[in-house]
Amino acid sequence: MSADASADNGTIVVAGSDRLIDPGTGSRTIQLAAGATNDALVLHAAATDRILGFDPAAGDTLDLTSLLAEASVDIGDVTQLATHISIANVDGSAAIVFDPAGQGSGSQVALLTNDGGMVAQLQTFKAFAV
């Protein structure tokens, strides 16, 4: 977790730019500050993080390194992500689904709240780091 992140009523609030946010394992609610840029949020297996304020246009990324390592998945490069990660609009939010077997199923690991409009942009996988 970044040095300026704080927990308030179970929500991790991140104020500032250029942060690497690792909320650890377990499901969390994470609020990225409006106007912040270039924040990277680490996702983990066996959890569903609810994320508010994520903005790939501002340089925000989802770091999948830990998620892939925890599931012993080696994708080689970002072009292989589509076999393990899918993005769907769920009630106006962008759901990130991870399938370690690459068989087209899997479980939700993140929900980008109120960001369903960016589903098509996320499906290009440019907002992901591996």
N, C-alpha and C. Protein backbone atom coordinates (compact mmCIF):
# COMPACT_ATOMS: atom_id res chain seq x y z
N MET A 1 0.85 -1.16 0.00
CA MET A 1 0.00 0.00 0.00
C MET A 1 0.89 1.22 0.00
N SER A 2 0.48 2.26 -0.69
CA SER A 2 1.30 3.44 -0.76
C SER A 2 1.36 4.12 0.61
N ALA A 3 2.36 4.94 0.78
CA ALA A 3 2.59 5.57 2.07
C ALA A 3 1.45 6.48 2.48
N ASP A 4 0.70 7.03 1.50
CA ASP A 4 -0.36 7.95 1.88
C ASP A 4 -1.74 7.32 1.81
N ALA A 5 -1.80 6.00 1.69
CA ALA A 5 -3.09 5.32 1.71
C ALA A 5 -3.54 5.16 3.15
N SER A 6 -4.84 5.24 3.36
CA SER A 6 -5.35 5.07 4.71
C SER A 6 -6.63 4.26 4.66
N ALA A 7 -6.92 3.58 5.74
CA ALA A 7 -8.15 2.81 5.83
C ALA A 7 -9.17 3.62 6.62
N ASP A 8 -10.37 3.72 6.10
CA ASP A 8 -11.44 4.43 6.77
C ASP A 8 -12.72 3.66 6.49
N ASN A 9 -13.28 3.05 7.53
CA ASN A 9 -14.48 2.24 7.37
C ASN A 9 -14.29 1.13 6.35
N GLY A 10 -13.12 0.55 6.32
CA GLY A 10 -12.85 -0.54 5.41
C GLY A 10 -12.46 -0.11 4.01
N THR A 11 -12.46 1.16 3.72
CA THR A 11 -12.09 1.68 2.41
C THR A 11 -10.67 2.20 2.46
N ILE A 12 -9.87 1.78 1.48
CA ILE A 12 -8.52 2.31 1.35
C ILE A 12 -8.60 3.53 0.44
N VAL A 13 -8.22 4.68 0.95
CA VAL A 13 -8.25 5.91 0.20
C VAL A 13 -6.82 6.27 -0.18
N VAL A 14 -6.60 6.45 -1.48
CA VAL A 14 -5.25 6.76 -1.97
C VAL A 14 -5.26 8.16 -2.55
N ALA A 15 -4.51 9.05 -1.91
CA ALA A 15 -4.37 10.42 -2.38
C ALA A 15 -2.96 10.58 -2.93
N GLY A 16 -2.86 11.00 -4.15
CA GLY A 16 -1.55 11.22 -4.74
C GLY A 16 -1.39 10.47 -6.05
N SER A 17 -0.35 10.80 -6.74
CA SER A 17 -0.06 10.22 -8.05
C SER A 17 1.18 9.36 -7.99
N ASP A 18 1.35 8.56 -9.03
CA ASP A 18 2.54 7.72 -9.19
C ASP A 18 2.73 6.74 -8.03
N ARG A 19 1.64 6.15 -7.57
CA ARG A 19 1.67 5.23 -6.45
C ARG A 19 1.51 3.79 -6.92
N LEU A 20 2.16 2.88 -6.23
CA LEU A 20 1.92 1.45 -6.38
C LEU A 20 1.10 1.05 -5.17
N ILE A 21 -0.14 0.62 -5.41
CA ILE A 21 -1.05 0.29 -4.33
C ILE A 21 -1.23 -1.22 -4.30
N ASP A 22 -0.78 -1.84 -3.23
CA ASP A 22 -0.96 -3.28 -3.04
C ASP A 22 -1.78 -3.47 -1.77
N PRO A 23 -3.10 -3.71 -1.95
CA PRO A 23 -3.96 -3.84 -0.77
C PRO A 23 -3.83 -5.17 -0.06
N GLY A 24 -2.99 -6.07 -0.58
CA GLY A 24 -2.83 -7.39 0.02
C GLY A 24 -3.96 -8.31 -0.40
N THR A 25 -3.93 -9.52 0.13
CA THR A 25 -4.96 -10.49 -0.21
C THR A 25 -6.24 -10.17 0.54
N GLY A 26 -7.34 -10.64 0.03
CA GLY A 26 -8.64 -10.33 0.62
C GLY A 26 -9.32 -9.24 -0.17
N SER A 27 -10.62 -9.20 -0.10
CA SER A 27 -11.40 -8.22 -0.85
C SER A 27 -11.38 -6.87 -0.14
N ARG A 28 -11.16 -5.83 -0.92
CA ARG A 28 -11.06 -4.47 -0.38
C ARG A 28 -11.86 -3.50 -1.26
N THR A 29 -12.19 -2.35 -0.70
CA THR A 29 -12.70 -1.22 -1.47
C THR A 29 -11.58 -0.20 -1.50
N ILE A 30 -11.25 0.26 -2.72
CA ILE A 30 -10.12 1.17 -2.90
C ILE A 30 -10.62 2.39 -3.65
N GLN A 31 -10.39 3.57 -3.09
CA GLN A 31 -10.79 4.83 -3.71
C GLN A 31 -9.53 5.58 -4.15
N LEU A 32 -9.38 5.76 -5.46
CA LEU A 32 -8.26 6.55 -5.99
C LEU A 32 -8.73 8.00 -6.07
N ALA A 33 -7.89 8.93 -5.66
CA ALA A 33 -8.25 10.34 -5.61
C ALA A 33 -8.51 10.91 -7.00
N ALA A 34 -9.50 11.78 -7.08
CA ALA A 34 -9.78 12.48 -8.32
C ALA A 34 -8.57 13.34 -8.67
N GLY A 35 -8.19 13.34 -9.92
CA GLY A 35 -7.06 14.15 -10.37
C GLY A 35 -5.72 13.47 -10.22
N ALA A 36 -5.66 12.35 -9.52
CA ALA A 36 -4.40 11.62 -9.38
C ALA A 36 -4.09 10.92 -10.70
N THR A 37 -2.82 10.72 -10.98
CA THR A 37 -2.42 10.08 -12.24
C THR A 37 -1.38 9.00 -12.00
N ASN A 38 -1.31 8.08 -12.95
CA ASN A 38 -0.26 7.05 -13.00
C ASN A 38 -0.19 6.18 -11.75
N ASP A 39 -1.34 5.83 -11.20
CA ASP A 39 -1.36 4.90 -10.07
C ASP A 39 -1.47 3.48 -10.60
N ALA A 40 -0.79 2.54 -9.96
CA ALA A 40 -0.84 1.12 -10.33
C ALA A 40 -1.43 0.35 -9.16
N LEU A 41 -2.47 -0.41 -9.44
CA LEU A 41 -3.15 -1.18 -8.41
C LEU A 41 -2.87 -2.65 -8.61
N VAL A 42 -2.31 -3.30 -7.59
CA VAL A 42 -1.96 -4.72 -7.64
C VAL A 42 -3.20 -5.55 -7.33
N LEU A 43 -3.53 -6.49 -8.24
CA LEU A 43 -4.65 -7.41 -8.02
C LEU A 43 -4.13 -8.74 -7.52
N HIS A 44 -4.96 -9.43 -6.72
CA HIS A 44 -4.59 -10.73 -6.16
C HIS A 44 -5.66 -11.76 -6.48
N ALA A 45 -5.26 -13.03 -6.48
CA ALA A 45 -6.19 -14.14 -6.68
C ALA A 45 -7.04 -14.29 -5.42
N ALA A 46 -8.17 -14.95 -5.55
CA ALA A 46 -9.06 -15.28 -4.43
C ALA A 46 -9.56 -14.04 -3.69
N ALA A 47 -9.76 -12.94 -4.42
CA ALA A 47 -10.29 -11.72 -3.83
C ALA A 47 -11.04 -10.96 -4.92
N THR A 48 -11.95 -10.10 -4.51
CA THR A 48 -12.59 -9.19 -5.44
C THR A 48 -12.49 -7.79 -4.86
N ASP A 49 -11.65 -6.96 -5.47
CA ASP A 49 -11.50 -5.59 -5.02
C ASP A 49 -12.48 -4.70 -5.76
N ARG A 50 -13.14 -3.83 -5.02
CA ARG A 50 -14.03 -2.82 -5.61
C ARG A 50 -13.21 -1.54 -5.71
N ILE A 51 -13.08 -1.02 -6.93
CA ILE A 51 -12.18 0.10 -7.18
C ILE A 51 -12.97 1.29 -7.71
N LEU A 52 -12.78 2.42 -7.07
CA LEU A 52 -13.43 3.66 -7.48
C LEU A 52 -12.35 4.65 -7.92
N GLY A 53 -12.62 5.39 -8.98
CA GLY A 53 -11.70 6.43 -9.43
C GLY A 53 -10.60 5.96 -10.36
N PHE A 54 -10.65 4.70 -10.80
CA PHE A 54 -9.64 4.18 -11.73
C PHE A 54 -9.82 4.87 -13.08
N ASP A 55 -8.71 5.37 -13.66
CA ASP A 55 -8.79 6.10 -14.93
C ASP A 55 -7.59 5.79 -15.82
N PRO A 56 -7.75 4.85 -16.77
CA PRO A 56 -6.62 4.52 -17.65
C PRO A 56 -6.18 5.71 -18.51
N ALA A 57 -7.08 6.65 -18.79
CA ALA A 57 -6.71 7.84 -19.56
C ALA A 57 -5.73 8.71 -18.77
N ALA A 58 -5.74 8.58 -17.44
CA ALA A 58 -4.82 9.32 -16.58
C ALA A 58 -3.57 8.50 -16.26
N GLY A 59 -3.41 7.36 -16.94
CA GLY A 59 -2.23 6.53 -16.74
C GLY A 59 -2.36 5.46 -15.67
N ASP A 60 -3.55 5.30 -15.08
CA ASP A 60 -3.74 4.27 -14.06
C ASP A 60 -3.66 2.89 -14.71
N THR A 61 -3.07 1.92 -13.99
CA THR A 61 -2.95 0.56 -14.50
C THR A 61 -3.33 -0.44 -13.43
N LEU A 62 -3.70 -1.64 -13.91
CA LEU A 62 -3.94 -2.77 -13.02
C LEU A 62 -2.74 -3.69 -13.16
N ASP A 63 -2.01 -3.90 -12.08
CA ASP A 63 -0.81 -4.73 -12.08
C ASP A 63 -1.22 -6.18 -11.80
N LEU A 64 -1.00 -7.05 -12.78
CA LEU A 64 -1.41 -8.45 -12.67
C LEU A 64 -0.28 -9.38 -12.25
N THR A 65 0.88 -8.85 -11.97
CA THR A 65 2.05 -9.66 -11.64
C THR A 65 1.77 -10.63 -10.50
N SER A 66 1.26 -10.14 -9.38
CA SER A 66 0.97 -11.00 -8.22
C SER A 66 -0.15 -11.97 -8.53
N LEU A 67 -1.19 -11.50 -9.19
CA LEU A 67 -2.32 -12.35 -9.55
C LEU A 67 -1.86 -13.56 -10.36
N LEU A 68 -1.06 -13.32 -11.38
CA LEU A 68 -0.56 -14.41 -12.23
C LEU A 68 0.39 -15.32 -11.45
N ALA A 69 1.26 -14.74 -10.63
CA ALA A 69 2.22 -15.56 -9.86
C ALA A 69 1.50 -16.44 -8.84
N GLU A 70 0.48 -15.89 -8.16
CA GLU A 70 -0.27 -16.66 -7.17
C GLU A 70 -0.97 -17.86 -7.79
N ALA A 71 -1.34 -17.75 -9.07
CA ALA A 71 -2.02 -18.84 -9.77
C ALA A 71 -1.05 -19.67 -10.62
N SER A 72 0.24 -19.38 -10.51
CA SER A 72 1.29 -20.07 -11.28
C SER A 72 1.01 -20.01 -12.78
N VAL A 73 0.63 -18.82 -13.26
CA VAL A 73 0.37 -18.61 -14.68
C VAL A 73 1.49 -17.77 -15.26
N ASP A 74 2.12 -18.28 -16.32
CA ASP A 74 3.16 -17.54 -17.03
C ASP A 74 2.64 -17.27 -18.43
N ILE A 75 2.26 -16.02 -18.69
CA ILE A 75 1.66 -15.72 -19.99
C ILE A 75 2.69 -15.29 -21.03
N GLY A 76 3.90 -14.99 -20.63
CA GLY A 76 4.91 -14.58 -21.58
C GLY A 76 4.84 -13.11 -21.92
N ASP A 77 3.71 -12.67 -22.48
CA ASP A 77 3.55 -11.25 -22.80
C ASP A 77 2.07 -10.87 -22.80
N VAL A 78 1.81 -9.59 -22.93
CA VAL A 78 0.46 -9.05 -22.80
C VAL A 78 -0.49 -9.60 -23.87
N THR A 79 0.02 -10.07 -25.00
CA THR A 79 -0.86 -10.60 -26.05
C THR A 79 -1.59 -11.86 -25.60
N GLN A 80 -1.09 -12.53 -24.58
CA GLN A 80 -1.72 -13.75 -24.06
C GLN A 80 -2.75 -13.50 -22.97
N LEU A 81 -2.91 -12.26 -22.57
CA LEU A 81 -3.83 -11.94 -21.47
C LEU A 81 -5.28 -12.35 -21.76
N ALA A 82 -5.72 -12.24 -22.98
CA ALA A 82 -7.12 -12.51 -23.32
C ALA A 82 -7.53 -13.95 -23.02
N THR A 83 -6.57 -14.87 -22.90
CA THR A 83 -6.93 -16.25 -22.56
C THR A 83 -7.19 -16.40 -21.06
N HIS A 84 -6.75 -15.45 -20.27
CA HIS A 84 -6.90 -15.54 -18.81
C HIS A 84 -7.73 -14.42 -18.19
N ILE A 85 -7.85 -13.29 -18.87
CA ILE A 85 -8.56 -12.13 -18.33
C ILE A 85 -9.68 -11.74 -19.29
N SER A 86 -10.86 -11.50 -18.73
CA SER A 86 -11.95 -10.95 -19.53
C SER A 86 -12.53 -9.77 -18.78
N ILE A 87 -13.11 -8.85 -19.54
CA ILE A 87 -13.68 -7.64 -18.98
C ILE A 87 -15.12 -7.53 -19.48
N ALA A 88 -16.04 -7.29 -18.56
CA ALA A 88 -17.44 -7.19 -18.93
C ALA A 88 -18.11 -6.03 -18.21
N ASN A 89 -19.11 -5.46 -18.85
CA ASN A 89 -19.92 -4.43 -18.24
C ASN A 89 -20.97 -5.11 -17.37
N VAL A 90 -20.91 -4.87 -16.06
CA VAL A 90 -21.87 -5.44 -15.12
C VAL A 90 -22.57 -4.29 -14.40
N ASP A 91 -23.79 -4.03 -14.81
CA ASP A 91 -24.59 -2.96 -14.19
C ASP A 91 -23.85 -1.62 -14.16
N GLY A 92 -23.17 -1.27 -15.25
CA GLY A 92 -22.48 0.01 -15.34
C GLY A 92 -21.09 0.02 -14.76
N SER A 93 -20.60 -1.11 -14.32
CA SER A 93 -19.24 -1.21 -13.79
C SER A 93 -18.45 -2.20 -14.63
N ALA A 94 -17.15 -2.05 -14.66
CA ALA A 94 -16.29 -2.95 -15.42
C ALA A 94 -15.79 -4.06 -14.51
N ALA A 95 -16.21 -5.29 -14.80
CA ALA A 95 -15.79 -6.46 -14.02
C ALA A 95 -14.58 -7.09 -14.68
N ILE A 96 -13.53 -7.33 -13.90
CA ILE A 96 -12.32 -8.01 -14.37
C ILE A 96 -12.41 -9.45 -13.87
N VAL A 97 -12.43 -10.41 -14.81
CA VAL A 97 -12.57 -11.82 -14.48
C VAL A 97 -11.27 -12.54 -14.85
N PHE A 98 -10.77 -13.35 -13.92
CA PHE A 98 -9.51 -14.08 -14.11
C PHE A 98 -9.78 -15.57 -14.15
N ASP A 99 -9.25 -16.21 -15.19
CA ASP A 99 -9.35 -17.66 -15.36
C ASP A 99 -7.94 -18.23 -15.46
N PRO A 100 -7.40 -18.80 -14.37
CA PRO A 100 -6.03 -19.31 -14.40
C PRO A 100 -5.82 -20.42 -15.43
N ALA A 101 -6.88 -21.16 -15.75
CA ALA A 101 -6.75 -22.26 -16.71
C ALA A 101 -6.87 -21.78 -18.15
N GLY A 102 -7.34 -20.57 -18.36
CA GLY A 102 -7.49 -20.05 -19.72
C GLY A 102 -8.58 -20.76 -20.50
N GLN A 103 -9.63 -21.20 -19.82
CA GLN A 103 -10.70 -21.97 -20.46
C GLN A 103 -11.98 -21.16 -20.70
N GLY A 104 -11.98 -19.88 -20.38
CA GLY A 104 -13.16 -19.06 -20.64
C GLY A 104 -14.11 -18.89 -19.49
N SER A 105 -13.76 -19.37 -18.31
CA SER A 105 -14.60 -19.13 -17.13
C SER A 105 -13.79 -18.30 -16.15
N GLY A 106 -13.82 -18.62 -14.89
CA GLY A 106 -13.01 -17.91 -13.92
C GLY A 106 -13.84 -17.17 -12.90
N SER A 107 -13.17 -16.33 -12.11
CA SER A 107 -13.86 -15.58 -11.07
C SER A 107 -13.47 -14.11 -11.13
N GLN A 108 -14.35 -13.28 -10.65
CA GLN A 108 -14.13 -11.84 -10.65
C GLN A 108 -13.06 -11.48 -9.63
N VAL A 109 -12.07 -10.69 -10.05
CA VAL A 109 -11.01 -10.25 -9.14
C VAL A 109 -11.08 -8.76 -8.87
N ALA A 110 -11.82 -8.02 -9.70
CA ALA A 110 -11.96 -6.58 -9.47
C ALA A 110 -13.24 -6.08 -10.12
N LEU A 111 -13.80 -5.04 -9.53
CA LEU A 111 -14.95 -4.37 -10.08
C LEU A 111 -14.64 -2.88 -10.07
N LEU A 112 -14.50 -2.31 -11.27
CA LEU A 112 -14.21 -0.89 -11.40
C LEU A 112 -15.56 -0.18 -11.41
N THR A 113 -15.96 0.31 -10.25
CA THR A 113 -17.30 0.84 -10.03
C THR A 113 -17.58 2.06 -10.89
N ASN A 114 -18.76 2.02 -11.53
CA ASN A 114 -19.24 3.11 -12.38
C ASN A 114 -18.32 3.38 -13.56
N ASP A 115 -17.55 2.39 -13.97
CA ASP A 115 -16.62 2.57 -15.08
C ASP A 115 -16.94 1.64 -16.25
N GLY A 116 -18.18 1.19 -16.35
CA GLY A 116 -18.57 0.30 -17.44
C GLY A 116 -18.33 0.90 -18.80
N GLY A 117 -18.33 2.22 -18.90
CA GLY A 117 -18.07 2.89 -20.16
C GLY A 117 -16.67 2.66 -20.68
N MET A 118 -15.76 2.22 -19.82
CA MET A 118 -14.38 2.01 -20.27
C MET A 118 -14.10 0.54 -20.59
N VAL A 119 -15.12 -0.30 -20.63
CA VAL A 119 -14.92 -1.72 -20.90
C VAL A 119 -14.17 -1.92 -22.21
N ALA A 120 -14.60 -1.26 -23.29
CA ALA A 120 -13.94 -1.43 -24.59
C ALA A 120 -12.48 -1.01 -24.51
N GLN A 121 -12.18 0.05 -23.80
CA GLN A 121 -10.79 0.50 -23.65
C GLN A 121 -9.97 -0.53 -22.87
N LEU A 122 -10.55 -1.07 -21.80
CA LEU A 122 -9.83 -2.07 -21.00
C LEU A 122 -9.60 -3.34 -21.81
N GLN A 123 -10.49 -3.67 -22.72
CA GLN A 123 -10.35 -4.89 -23.51
C GLN A 123 -9.17 -4.85 -24.46
N THR A 124 -8.56 -3.67 -24.64
CA THR A 124 -7.33 -3.57 -25.44
C THR A 124 -6.12 -4.00 -24.60
N PHE A 125 -6.33 -4.16 -23.30
CA PHE A 125 -5.30 -4.58 -22.34
C PHE A 125 -4.16 -3.57 -22.19
N LYS A 126 -4.34 -2.35 -22.63
CA LYS A 126 -3.30 -1.33 -22.47
C LYS A 126 -3.22 -0.81 -21.04
N ALA A 127 -4.25 -1.04 -20.23
CA ALA A 127 -4.27 -0.57 -18.86
C ALA A 127 -3.78 -1.65 -17.88
N PHE A 128 -3.15 -2.70 -18.41
CA PHE A 128 -2.67 -3.80 -17.58
C PHE A 128 -1.16 -3.90 -17.62
N ALA A 129 -0.56 -4.23 -16.50
CA ALA A 129 0.88 -4.47 -16.42
C ALA A 129 1.10 -5.90 -15.99
N VAL A 130 2.02 -6.58 -16.66
CA VAL A 130 2.34 -7.98 -16.30
C VAL A 130 3.83 -8.13 -16.10
